[in-house]
């Protein structure tokens, strides 16, 4: 089964307000394991990049002004996708931007099935933080490379998280494989499919809030939280088991001490 983990960085949170993609990163998986095949592009959004967005991903207008536009790489991207399942964290956000860009290029929306890891994580860890940073810490995935949000870096991290959500490298033991959601129109944050006419303003606000939490989590979660989690893990660690020496071991130890005393002047 071929899957593509997808992440985007954008000029803002709402594609319908004219915000555009500035970076896209994709990682190919076979049976949920990376193959090493990746797709990565920086894009010229042909518009300004607000400071609020630059603070998240560090991409400014000077950097992308010579980069290709989305329309220039659309065919290469679609060829890379093929008919694979698309894996995204908060799928309505990334999918909404991709389909908006495709519409701008006079191309049809994506017809691929989609698996939303945010929905999977929310279902598995109810009431807990399920942003990418939090999931990486939960699964002890190294975050040292992630000083800022980056589409390819985040896609690589999400690929590792997705493997764990699927049951880790021991797949099939106690976990059901995630079921992709077929795409038709847009996908709600609950994972259900709906057309744009059915989407309400409250759902838009929910998608924005969810994306903002996911994109800014690394900045808003303090170091104190990490220290607390570390202390909790230490408290939960079982005590070391002390094995007493056998009579034979005690006898051998005493004999060794006697030899040492004999050699001393």
Protein backbone atom coordinates (compact mmCIF):
# COMPACT_ATOMS: atom_id res chain seq x y z
CA UNK A 1 0.00 0.00 0.00
CA UNK A 2 1.51 3.32 -1.08
CA UNK A 3 0.97 6.40 1.07
CA UNK A 4 2.27 9.97 0.85
CA UNK A 5 2.76 12.05 4.00
CA UNK A 6 2.08 15.70 3.10
CA UNK A 7 2.77 18.96 4.92
CA UNK A 8 2.55 22.57 3.76
CA UNK A 9 3.70 25.96 5.01
CA UNK A 10 1.55 28.91 4.01
CA UNK A 11 1.21 32.68 4.13
CA UNK A 12 -1.78 32.40 6.50
CA UNK A 13 -4.49 30.17 7.88
CA UNK A 14 -7.32 30.56 5.34
CA UNK A 15 -6.98 29.65 1.66
CA UNK A 16 -10.35 31.23 0.88
CA UNK A 17 -8.93 34.60 1.96
CA UNK A 18 -6.20 34.42 -0.68
CA UNK A 19 -3.41 32.89 1.36
CA UNK A 20 -1.03 30.64 -0.57
CA UNK A 21 1.41 27.77 -0.11
CA UNK A 22 5.09 28.74 0.27
CA UNK A 23 6.53 25.29 0.92
CA UNK A 24 5.37 21.71 0.38
CA UNK A 25 7.07 18.56 1.65
CA UNK A 26 6.05 14.98 0.89
CA UNK A 27 7.42 11.62 2.06
CA UNK A 28 6.56 8.36 0.30
CA UNK A 29 5.64 5.33 2.41
CA UNK A 30 5.15 1.67 1.59
CA UNK A 31 3.10 -0.13 4.23
CA UNK A 32 3.58 2.93 6.48
CA UNK A 33 7.40 2.83 6.27
CA UNK A 34 9.40 5.59 4.45
CA UNK A 35 11.00 4.48 1.18
CA UNK A 36 13.44 7.41 0.98
CA UNK A 37 11.55 8.93 -1.96
CA UNK A 38 10.57 12.56 -1.22
CA UNK A 39 9.12 15.63 -2.93
CA UNK A 40 10.07 19.09 -1.67
CA UNK A 41 9.56 22.54 -3.17
CA UNK A 42 9.62 26.16 -2.02
CA UNK A 43 7.03 28.26 -3.87
CA UNK A 44 6.54 31.87 -4.81
CA UNK A 45 3.08 32.81 -3.46
CA UNK A 46 3.02 36.02 -5.52
CA UNK A 47 1.84 37.92 -2.47
CA UNK A 48 3.17 39.21 0.84
CA UNK A 49 4.05 36.87 3.70
CA UNK A 50 2.73 38.34 6.98
CA UNK A 51 5.01 38.50 9.99
CA UNK A 52 2.78 36.09 11.90
CA UNK A 53 3.47 33.44 9.25
CA UNK A 54 7.20 34.24 9.05
CA UNK A 55 7.50 33.69 12.80
CA UNK A 56 6.24 30.14 12.35
CA UNK A 57 8.23 28.91 9.34
CA UNK A 58 10.92 31.58 8.83
CA UNK A 59 10.23 31.94 5.08
CA UNK A 60 10.24 35.53 3.79
CA UNK A 61 9.37 37.12 0.46
CA UNK A 62 12.99 37.65 -0.60
CA UNK A 63 13.73 33.95 -0.22
CA UNK A 64 10.83 32.75 -2.40
CA UNK A 65 10.65 35.53 -4.99
CA UNK A 66 12.77 33.48 -7.45
CA UNK A 67 11.07 30.17 -6.64
CA UNK A 68 8.54 28.50 -8.98
CA UNK A 69 4.82 29.14 -8.63
CA UNK A 70 2.49 26.32 -7.64
CA UNK A 71 1.26 26.03 -11.23
CA UNK A 72 4.82 25.36 -12.35
CA UNK A 73 5.16 22.27 -10.16
CA UNK A 74 1.52 21.06 -10.13
CA UNK A 75 2.03 18.25 -12.66
CA UNK A 76 5.16 16.97 -10.90
CA UNK A 77 3.30 16.99 -7.59
CA UNK A 78 0.27 15.16 -8.99
CA UNK A 79 2.56 12.58 -10.61
CA UNK A 80 4.25 12.04 -7.24
CA UNK A 81 0.88 11.62 -5.53
CA UNK A 82 -0.47 9.20 -8.10
CA UNK A 83 -3.34 7.27 -6.51
CA UNK A 84 -1.62 6.98 -3.12
CA UNK A 85 -3.40 7.61 0.17
CA UNK A 86 -2.49 11.09 1.44
CA UNK A 87 -1.53 11.27 5.13
CA UNK A 88 -1.91 14.73 6.75
CA UNK A 89 -2.06 16.16 10.26
CA UNK A 90 -5.22 18.29 10.31
CA UNK A 91 -6.10 17.29 6.74
CA UNK A 92 -8.75 19.98 6.09
CA UNK A 93 -6.06 22.65 6.33
CA UNK A 94 -3.47 21.18 3.93
CA UNK A 95 -6.10 19.70 1.63
CA UNK A 96 -7.95 23.01 1.47
CA UNK A 97 -4.80 24.84 0.38
CA UNK A 98 -3.84 22.20 -2.18
CA UNK A 99 -7.29 22.19 -3.76
CA UNK A 100 -7.39 26.00 -3.78
CA UNK A 101 -4.04 26.07 -5.59
CA UNK A 102 -5.25 23.44 -8.07
CA UNK A 103 -8.42 25.43 -8.70
CA UNK A 104 -6.29 28.51 -9.37
CA UNK A 105 -4.46 26.42 -12.01
CA UNK A 106 -7.80 25.33 -13.55
CA UNK A 107 -7.25 21.76 -12.37
CA UNK A 108 -9.76 19.49 -10.57
CA UNK A 109 -9.47 18.89 -6.82
CA UNK A 110 -7.60 15.92 -5.47
CA UNK A 111 -9.47 12.63 -5.65
CA UNK A 112 -7.08 10.68 -3.42
CA UNK A 113 -8.20 9.06 -0.20
CA UNK A 114 -6.94 10.88 2.90
CA UNK A 115 -5.93 9.72 6.37
CA UNK A 116 -5.96 12.48 9.01
CA UNK A 117 -3.49 11.68 11.79
CA UNK A 118 -4.97 14.45 13.95
CA UNK A 119 -8.29 12.59 14.03
CA UNK A 120 -6.48 9.29 14.75
CA UNK A 121 -4.55 10.84 17.63
CA UNK A 122 -7.61 12.62 19.07
CA UNK A 123 -9.48 9.32 19.07
CA UNK A 124 -6.60 7.45 20.72
CA UNK A 125 -5.52 10.08 23.25
CA UNK A 126 -8.77 11.74 24.24
CA UNK A 127 -8.37 15.03 26.11
CA UNK A 128 -4.59 15.13 25.63
CA UNK A 129 -2.36 17.26 23.43
CA UNK A 130 -2.12 15.79 19.95
CA UNK A 131 -0.08 18.40 18.07
CA UNK A 132 2.94 17.09 16.17
CA UNK A 133 5.40 18.14 18.88
CA UNK A 134 3.38 16.45 21.62
CA UNK A 135 3.05 13.22 19.62
CA UNK A 136 6.79 13.20 18.87
CA UNK A 137 7.53 13.52 22.59
CA UNK A 138 5.02 10.80 23.39
CA UNK A 139 6.71 8.41 20.97
CA UNK A 140 10.25 9.63 21.86
CA UNK A 141 10.91 10.90 18.33
CA UNK A 142 13.90 13.26 18.10
CA UNK A 143 12.83 16.91 17.63
CA UNK A 144 16.31 18.47 17.65
CA UNK A 145 16.18 19.24 13.91
CA UNK A 146 12.94 21.21 14.26
CA UNK A 147 13.94 24.72 15.28
CA UNK A 148 11.09 26.09 13.13
CA UNK A 149 8.22 24.59 11.22
CA UNK A 150 9.32 23.27 7.84
CA UNK A 151 7.20 21.27 5.41
CA UNK A 152 9.74 18.52 4.69
CA UNK A 153 10.97 18.28 8.28
CA UNK A 154 7.39 18.08 9.55
CA UNK A 155 6.47 15.49 6.91
CA UNK A 156 9.39 13.31 8.00
CA UNK A 157 8.39 13.63 11.65
CA UNK A 158 4.75 12.92 10.83
CA UNK A 159 5.80 9.80 8.91
CA UNK A 160 7.39 8.49 12.12
CA UNK A 161 4.33 9.43 14.19
CA UNK A 162 2.04 7.77 11.64
CA UNK A 163 4.02 4.55 11.86
CA UNK A 164 3.53 4.58 15.65
CA UNK A 165 -0.18 5.34 15.32
CA UNK A 166 -0.42 2.33 13.02
CA UNK A 167 1.09 0.12 15.72
CA UNK A 168 4.79 0.82 15.28
CA UNK A 169 7.09 -1.64 13.53
CA UNK A 170 5.07 -4.49 15.03
CA UNK A 171 1.99 -3.66 12.99
CA UNK A 172 -1.05 -5.81 13.47
CA UNK A 173 -0.46 -6.41 17.19
CA UNK A 174 -3.35 -4.87 19.06
CA UNK A 175 -4.01 -2.05 16.60
CA UNK A 176 -6.36 -1.78 13.66
CA UNK A 177 -4.94 -0.16 10.54
CA UNK A 178 -6.23 3.43 10.10
CA UNK A 179 -8.93 3.71 7.49
CA UNK A 180 -8.49 6.47 4.89
CA UNK A 181 -11.28 8.94 4.25
CA UNK A 182 -12.35 9.24 0.58
CA UNK A 183 -12.18 12.83 -0.65
CA UNK A 184 -15.22 14.56 -2.08
CA UNK A 185 -15.32 18.30 -1.51
CA UNK A 186 -13.70 19.05 1.85
CA UNK A 187 -13.11 17.00 4.98
CA UNK A 188 -14.38 18.12 8.34
CA UNK A 189 -12.16 17.97 11.42
CA UNK A 190 -14.14 14.95 12.60
CA UNK A 191 -13.10 13.05 9.50
CA UNK A 192 -16.47 13.15 7.76
CA UNK A 193 -16.76 14.31 4.15
CA UNK A 194 -18.82 17.36 3.25
CA UNK A 195 -19.22 19.70 0.33
CA UNK A 196 -18.28 23.37 0.53
CA UNK A 197 -21.98 24.35 0.63
CA UNK A 198 -22.39 22.33 3.85
CA UNK A 199 -19.43 23.90 5.60
CA UNK A 200 -20.43 26.42 8.28
CA UNK A 201 -18.57 29.41 9.66
CA UNK A 202 -18.16 27.69 13.03
CA UNK A 203 -16.37 24.78 11.38
CA UNK A 204 -14.04 27.22 9.63
CA UNK A 205 -13.17 28.77 12.99
CA UNK A 206 -12.58 25.29 14.40
CA UNK A 207 -10.21 24.43 11.56
CA UNK A 208 -8.33 27.71 12.06
CA UNK A 209 -8.01 27.14 15.79
CA UNK A 210 -6.84 23.56 15.30
CA UNK A 211 -4.23 24.58 12.74
CA UNK A 212 -3.03 27.48 14.86
CA UNK A 213 -2.60 25.17 17.84
CA UNK A 214 -0.73 22.62 15.72
CA UNK A 215 1.51 25.16 13.98
CA UNK A 216 2.40 27.15 17.12
CA UNK A 217 2.55 24.34 19.67
CA UNK A 218 6.33 24.21 19.72
CA UNK A 219 6.37 27.88 20.78
CA UNK A 220 3.54 27.83 23.33
CA UNK A 221 4.49 24.67 25.25
CA UNK A 222 7.06 25.57 27.91
CA UNK A 223 10.23 23.77 28.91
CA UNK A 224 8.69 23.29 32.34
CA UNK A 225 6.10 20.91 30.85
CA UNK A 226 8.89 18.74 29.42
CA UNK A 227 10.65 18.68 32.80
CA UNK A 228 7.41 17.68 34.53
CA UNK A 229 6.86 14.84 32.06
CA UNK A 230 10.45 13.67 32.62
CA UNK A 231 9.99 13.66 36.41
CA UNK A 232 6.72 11.77 36.05
CA UNK A 233 8.44 9.12 33.94
CA UNK A 234 11.12 8.77 36.61
CA UNK A 235 8.47 8.33 39.32
CA UNK A 236 6.66 5.69 37.27
CA UNK A 237 9.87 3.74 36.57
CA UNK A 238 9.85 0.43 38.50
CA UNK A 239 12.53 -0.02 41.20
CA UNK A 240 15.70 -1.93 40.36
CA UNK A 241 15.69 -5.55 41.43
CA UNK A 242 18.59 -6.45 43.78
CA UNK A 243 19.84 -10.02 43.45
CA UNK A 244 21.57 -11.39 46.60
CA UNK A 245 24.87 -13.25 46.17
CA UNK A 246 24.78 -17.02 46.38
CA UNK A 247 26.86 -18.88 49.05
CA UNK A 248 29.34 -19.92 46.33
CA UNK A 249 29.74 -16.31 45.18
CA UNK A 250 30.27 -15.12 48.76
CA UNK A 251 32.94 -17.81 49.29
CA UNK A 252 34.74 -16.85 46.08
CA UNK A 253 34.65 -13.19 47.08
CA UNK A 254 36.16 -13.90 50.51
CA UNK A 255 38.89 -16.02 48.92
CA UNK A 256 39.76 -13.16 46.59
CA UNK A 257 39.99 -10.71 49.49
CA UNK A 258 42.29 -13.13 51.34
CA UNK A 259 44.64 -13.31 48.34
CA UNK A 260 44.74 -9.52 48.12
CA UNK A 261 45.62 -9.23 51.82
CA UNK A 262 48.42 -11.77 51.40
CA UNK A 263 50.02 -9.75 48.58
CA UNK A 264 49.98 -6.51 50.53
CA UNK A 265 53.28 -5.73 52.39
